C-alpha atoms as a PDB file:
ATOM      1  CA  MET A   1       0.047   0.079   0.121  1.00  0.00           C
ATOM      2  CA  PHE A   2       1.253   3.396  -0.875  1.00  0.00           C
ATOM      3  CA  TYR A   3       1.932   5.583   2.312  1.00  0.00           C
ATOM      4  CA  GLY A   4       1.592   8.994   0.455  1.00  0.00           C
ATOM      5  CA  ALA A   5      -1.396  11.036   0.383  1.00  0.00           C
ATOM      6  CA  VAL A   6      -4.330   9.311   2.270  1.00  0.00           C
ATOM      7  CA  VAL A   7      -7.101   8.648  -0.005  1.00  0.00           C
ATOM      8  CA  TRP A   8     -10.346   7.832   1.843  1.00  0.00           C
ATOM      9  CA  ASP A   9     -11.680   4.460   0.063  1.00  0.00           C
ATOM     10  CA  PRO A  10     -14.730   3.136   1.804  1.00  0.00           C
ATOM     11  CA  TRP A  11     -14.569  -0.118  -0.370  1.00  0.00           C
ATOM     12  CA  LEU A  12     -11.247  -0.794   0.884  1.00  0.00           C
ATOM     13  CA  ILE A  13     -12.196  -0.374   4.358  1.00  0.00           C
ATOM     14  CA  VAL A  14     -15.225  -2.500   4.151  1.00  0.00           C
ATOM     15  CA  ALA A  15     -13.077  -5.115   2.510  1.00  0.00           C
ATOM     16  CA  GLN A  16     -10.390  -4.941   5.445  1.00  0.00           C
ATOM     17  CA  ILE A  17     -13.129  -5.131   7.916  1.00  0.00           C
ATOM     18  CA  ALA A  18     -14.594  -8.263   6.400  1.00  0.00           C
ATOM     19  CA  CYS A  19     -11.337  -9.963   5.947  1.00  0.00           C
ATOM     20  CA  LEU A  20     -10.326  -9.211   9.579  1.00  0.00           C
ATOM     21  CA  GLN A  21     -13.614 -10.426  10.624  1.00  0.00           C
ATOM     22  CA  CYS A  22     -13.584 -13.558   8.591  1.00  0.00           C
ATOM     23  CA  LEU A  23      -9.960 -14.491   9.503  1.00  0.00           C
ATOM     24  CA  TYR A  24     -10.442 -13.855  13.159  1.00  0.00           C
ATOM     25  CA  TYR A  25     -13.493 -15.987  13.444  1.00  0.00           C
ATOM     26  CA  LEU A  26     -11.943 -18.681  11.368  1.00  0.00           C
ATOM     27  CA  THR A  27      -8.772 -18.799  13.605  1.00  0.00           C
ATOM     28  CA  LEU A  28     -11.299 -18.873  16.753  1.00  0.00           C
ATOM     29  CA  GLY A  29     -13.031 -21.570  15.218  1.00  0.00           C
ATOM     30  CA  SER A  30      -9.874 -23.359  14.546  1.00  0.00           C
ATOM     31  CA  PHE A  31      -8.535 -22.851  18.121  1.00  0.00           C
ATOM     32  CA  LEU A  32     -11.922 -23.807  19.567  1.00  0.00           C
ATOM     33  CA  SER A  33     -11.857 -27.214  17.739  1.00  0.00           C
ATOM     34  CA  ILE A  34      -8.389 -27.990  18.828  1.00  0.00           C
ATOM     35  CA  LEU A  35      -8.588 -26.731  22.295  1.00  0.00           C
ATOM     36  CA  VAL A  36     -12.471 -27.421  23.176  1.00  0.00           C
ATOM     37  CA  GLY A  37     -13.535 -29.813  20.569  1.00  0.00           C
ATOM     38  CA  THR A  38     -11.423 -32.533  22.197  1.00  0.00           C
ATOM     39  CA  ARG A  39     -13.151 -32.266  25.610  1.00  0.00           C
ATOM     40  CA  VAL A  40     -16.876 -31.836  24.532  1.00  0.00           C
ATOM     41  CA  SER A  41     -18.918 -34.241  22.827  1.00  0.00           C
ATOM     42  CA  ARG A  42     -20.741 -31.505  20.557  1.00  0.00           C
ATOM     43  CA  MET A  43     -19.421 -28.190  19.364  1.00  0.00           C
ATOM     44  CA  SER A  44     -21.656 -25.476  19.010  1.00  0.00           C
ATOM     45  CA  LEU A  45     -22.057 -21.722  18.402  1.00  0.00           C
ATOM     46  CA  VAL A  46     -22.292 -21.650  22.484  1.00  0.00           C
ATOM     47  CA  TYR A  47     -18.720 -21.521  22.568  1.00  0.00           C
ATOM     48  CA  PHE A  48     -18.409 -18.503  20.167  1.00  0.00           C
ATOM     49  CA  PHE A  49     -21.223 -16.303  21.364  1.00  0.00           C
ATOM     50  CA  ASP A  50     -22.568 -17.185  24.626  1.00  0.00           C
ATOM     51  CA  PHE A  51     -20.718 -15.532  27.606  1.00  0.00           C
ATOM     52  CA  VAL A  52     -21.431 -18.466  29.933  1.00  0.00           C
ATOM     53  CA  ALA A  53     -18.736 -20.334  28.256  1.00  0.00           C
ATOM     54  CA  VAL A  54     -15.935 -18.106  29.162  1.00  0.00           C
ATOM     55  CA  THR A  55     -15.345 -18.953  32.647  1.00  0.00           C
ATOM     56  CA  THR A  56     -12.372 -19.827  34.967  1.00  0.00           C
ATOM     57  CA  SER A  57     -14.235 -22.503  36.883  1.00  0.00           C
ATOM     58  CA  THR A  58     -13.832 -25.306  34.327  1.00  0.00           C
ATOM     59  CA  ILE A  59     -11.032 -26.418  32.219  1.00  0.00           C
ATOM     60  CA  THR A  60     -13.254 -26.301  29.063  1.00  0.00           C
ATOM     61  CA  GLY A  61     -13.849 -22.770  30.012  1.00  0.00           C
ATOM     62  CA  TRP A  62     -10.032 -21.912  30.394  1.00  0.00           C
ATOM     63  CA  ARG A  63      -9.819 -23.631  26.797  1.00  0.00           C
ATOM     64  CA  VAL A  64     -12.380 -21.192  25.565  1.00  0.00           C
ATOM     65  CA  ILE A  65     -10.508 -18.187  27.097  1.00  0.00           C
ATOM     66  CA  ILE A  66      -6.997 -19.381  25.720  1.00  0.00           C
ATOM     67  CA  SER A  67      -8.880 -19.761  22.327  1.00  0.00           C
ATOM     68  CA  PHE A  68     -10.064 -16.289  22.578  1.00  0.00           C
ATOM     69  CA  LEU A  69      -6.704 -14.885  23.722  1.00  0.00           C
ATOM     70  CA  LEU A  70      -4.591 -16.888  20.676  1.00  0.00           C
ATOM     71  CA  SER A  71      -7.068 -15.484  18.045  1.00  0.00           C
ATOM     72  CA  SER A  72      -6.481 -11.917  19.495  1.00  0.00           C
ATOM     73  CA  ILE A  73      -2.667 -12.739  18.688  1.00  0.00           C
ATOM     74  CA  ALA A  74      -3.455 -13.889  15.275  1.00  0.00           C
ATOM     75  CA  GLY A  75      -5.491 -10.999  14.712  1.00  0.00           C
ATOM     76  CA  ALA A  76      -2.613  -8.855  15.270  1.00  0.00           C
ATOM     77  CA  GLY A  77      -0.566 -10.697  12.849  1.00  0.00           C
ATOM     78  CA  TYR A  78      -3.545 -10.410  10.339  1.00  0.00           C
ATOM     79  CA  MET A  79      -3.537  -6.638  10.854  1.00  0.00           C
ATOM     80  CA  LEU A  80      -0.033  -6.404   9.942  1.00  0.00           C
ATOM     81  CA  HIS A  81      -0.600  -7.786   6.801  1.00  0.00           C
ATOM     82  CA  LEU A  82      -4.237  -6.431   5.843  1.00  0.00           C
ATOM     83  CA  ILE A  83      -4.320  -2.826   7.421  1.00  0.00           C
ATOM     84  CA  GLU A  84      -0.489  -2.086   7.386  1.00  0.00           C
ATOM     85  CA  ARG A  85      -0.911   1.318   9.244  1.00  0.00           C
ATOM     86  CA  SER A  86      -0.240   1.426  13.137  1.00  0.00           C
ATOM     87  CA  LYS A  87      -2.661   4.307  13.613  1.00  0.00           C
ATOM     88  CA  LYS A  88      -5.520   2.282  12.397  1.00  0.00           C
ATOM     89  CA  CYS A  89      -4.915  -0.882  14.492  1.00  0.00           C
ATOM     90  CA  LEU A  90      -6.994   0.324  17.277  1.00  0.00           C
ATOM     91  CA  ASP A  91      -9.977   1.218  14.836  1.00  0.00           C
ATOM     92  CA  PHE A  92     -10.113  -2.037  13.323  1.00  0.00           C
ATOM     93  CA  SER A  93      -9.437  -3.730  16.634  1.00  0.00           C
ATOM     94  CA  ALA A  94     -12.585  -2.140  18.054  1.00  0.00           C
ATOM     95  CA  THR A  95     -14.568  -2.583  14.990  1.00  0.00           C
ATOM     96  CA  LEU A  96     -13.790  -6.306  15.355  1.00  0.00           C
ATOM     97  CA  TYR A  97     -14.888  -6.375  19.129  1.00  0.00           C
ATOM     98  CA  ILE A  98     -17.837  -3.924  19.191  1.00  0.00           C
ATOM     99  CA  PRO A  99     -19.895  -6.105  16.755  1.00  0.00           C
ATOM    100  CA  SER A 100     -18.683  -9.210  18.591  1.00  0.00           C
ATOM    101  CA  LEU A 101     -20.518  -7.708  21.745  1.00  0.00           C
ATOM    102  CA  TYR A 102     -23.589  -7.447  19.954  1.00  0.00           C
ATOM    103  CA  MET A 103     -23.189 -11.023  18.548  1.00  0.00           C
ATOM    104  CA  HIS A 104     -22.579 -12.323  22.291  1.00  0.00           C
ATOM    105  CA  LEU A 105     -25.956 -10.822  23.153  1.00  0.00           C
ATOM    106  CA  TYR A 106     -27.317 -14.171  22.035  1.00  0.00           C
ATOM    107  CA  GLY A 107     -27.249 -15.497  25.395  1.00  0.00           C
ATOM    108  CA  GLY A 108     -28.300 -12.378  26.867  1.00  0.00           C
ATOM    109  CA  TRP A 109     -26.215  -9.304  28.204  1.00  0.00           C
ATOM    110  CA  PRO A 110     -22.818 -10.412  29.334  1.00  0.00           C
ATOM    111  CA  SER A 111     -23.015 -10.380  33.050  1.00  0.00           C
ATOM    112  CA  SER A 112     -19.742 -12.306  33.740  1.00  0.00           C
ATOM    113  CA  ILE A 113     -16.544 -10.178  35.008  1.00  0.00           C
ATOM    114  CA  THR A 114     -14.644 -12.789  33.133  1.00  0.00           C
ATOM    115  CA  TRP A 115     -16.086 -12.474  29.910  1.00  0.00           C
ATOM    116  CA  TRP A 116     -15.484  -8.562  30.003  1.00  0.00           C
ATOM    117  CA  ILE A 117     -11.565  -9.147  31.097  1.00  0.00           C
ATOM    118  CA  VAL A 118     -11.181 -11.538  28.371  1.00  0.00           C
ATOM    119  CA  ASN A 119     -12.557  -9.498  25.789  1.00  0.00           C
ATOM    120  CA  GLY A 120     -10.886  -6.254  27.050  1.00  0.00           C
ATOM    121  CA  THR A 121      -7.660  -8.102  27.245  1.00  0.00           C
ATOM    122  CA  GLY A 122      -8.091  -9.312  23.730  1.00  0.00           C
ATOM    123  CA  LEU A 123      -8.870  -5.869  22.282  1.00  0.00           C
ATOM    124  CA  ALA A 124      -5.956  -4.451  24.046  1.00  0.00           C
ATOM    125  CA  VAL A 125      -3.745  -7.365  22.753  1.00  0.00           C
ATOM    126  CA  MET A 126      -4.940  -7.004  19.182  1.00  0.00           C
ATOM    127  CA  ALA A 127      -4.670  -3.495  19.146  1.00  0.00           C
ATOM    128  CA  LEU A 128      -1.357  -3.061  20.914  1.00  0.00           C
ATOM    129  CA  LEU A 129       0.666  -5.882  19.433  1.00  0.00           C
ATOM    130  CA  GLY A 130      -1.053  -5.117  15.816  1.00  0.00           C
ATOM    131  CA  GLU A 131       0.449  -1.603  16.341  1.00  0.00           C
ATOM    132  CA  TYR A 132       3.856  -2.603  17.477  1.00  0.00           C
ATOM    133  CA  LEU A 133       4.158  -4.919  14.766  1.00  0.00           C
ATOM    134  CA  CYS A 134       3.126  -2.205  12.194  1.00  0.00           C
ATOM    135  CA  ILE A 135       5.448   0.258  13.821  1.00  0.00           C
ATOM    136  CA  ARG A 136       8.174  -1.862  13.269  1.00  0.00           C
ATOM    137  CA  ARG A 137       7.588  -2.442   9.799  1.00  0.00           C
ATOM    138  CA  GLU A 138       6.956   1.188   9.123  1.00  0.00           C
ATOM    139  CA  LEU A 139      10.420   1.972  10.643  1.00  0.00           C
ATOM    140  CA  ARG A 140      12.231  -0.482   8.635  1.00  0.00           C
ATOM    141  CA  GLU A 141      15.082   0.980   6.765  1.00  0.00           C
ATOM    142  CA  ILE A 142      14.026   1.706   3.298  1.00  0.00           C
ATOM    143  CA  PRO A 143      16.828   0.301   0.717  1.00  0.00           C
ATOM    144  CA  ILE A 144      17.976   2.936  -1.291  1.00  0.00           C
ATOM    145  CA  THR A 145      21.015   2.241  -3.605  1.00  0.00           C
ATOM    146  CA  ARG A 146      23.092   4.983  -5.422  1.00  0.00           C
ATOM    147  CA  TYR A 147      24.806   4.111  -8.495  1.00  0.00           C
ATOM    148  CA  ARG A 148      28.143   5.465  -9.294  1.00  0.00           C
ATOM    149  CA  SER A 149      30.565   4.600 -12.228  1.00  0.00           C
ATOM    150  CA  THR A 150      34.231   3.412 -11.147  1.00  0.00           C
ATOM    151  CA  GLY A 151      35.734   4.475 -14.772  1.00  0.00           C
ATOM    152  CA  ILE A 152      38.513   2.766 -16.375  1.00  0.00           C
ATOM    153  CA  ARG A 153      40.235  -0.626 -15.479  1.00  0.00           C
ATOM    154  CA  VAL A 154      43.475  -1.923 -17.019  1.00  0.00           C
ATOM    155  CA  CYS A 155      43.461  -5.746 -17.264  1.00  0.00           C
ATOM    156  CA  GLY A 156      46.646  -6.826 -15.608  1.00  0.00           C
ATOM    157  CA  ARG A 157      47.362  -9.848 -17.821  1.00  0.00           C
ATOM    158  CA  CYS A 158      47.207  -8.604 -21.200  1.00  0.00           C
ATOM    159  CA  LYS A 159      47.772  -4.887 -20.409  1.00  0.00           C
ATOM    160  CA  GLN A 160      44.447  -3.952 -22.373  1.00  0.00           C
ATOM    161  CA  THR A 161      42.303  -0.847 -21.211  1.00  0.00           C
ATOM    162  CA  GLU A 162      38.768  -1.821 -20.574  1.00  0.00           C
ATOM    163  CA  HIS A 163      36.013   0.789 -20.289  1.00  0.00           C
ATOM    164  CA  PHE A 164      33.127  -0.303 -18.164  1.00  0.00           C
ATOM    165  CA  LEU A 165      30.450   0.811 -15.921  1.00  0.00           C
ATOM    166  CA  SER A 166      30.627  -0.870 -12.738  1.00  0.00           C
ATOM    167  CA  VAL A 167      27.613  -0.548 -10.468  1.00  0.00           C
ATOM    168  CA  ARG A 168      28.522  -0.176  -6.790  1.00  0.00           C
ATOM    169  CA  ALA A 169      26.287   0.714  -4.094  1.00  0.00           C
ATOM    170  CA  VAL A 170      27.255   3.577  -1.718  1.00  0.00           C
ATOM    171  CA  ASN A 171      26.307   3.620   1.624  1.00  0.00           C
END
């Protein structure tokens, strides 16, 4: 993405939001399948959208918590490749988590403090880690090579003069 003049492109923003949402929930589904699916007899959307599943009182609840936090870490990596700008990371993280709040209303208003802590931590991890990764990419040195010619070289064996243009990077 070109970092010059910022052009407001709503289709790009909508596409980035859709891609981030899809990748986040695919990753969450993968982690839930691996970590929770091995412990329960039947996977359902309850583990995605019901705040009751996010609990510290059972091993399955801890695995759900770990799945949400690992998905946040993966989401930061997705933002590095999709969003590419550090100042947009908080916006896109919030855009992911605020609709998630509305989807969690499936089981009623989230009254569990654990759910709020897990989602707040997930939002913070995703935003801050994504911002950190994007800043690191933005601050990488841009390789700029300058070229100069070295002129004339005399061959040592046959004493012939060769005219050449040798390209050598100057630091």
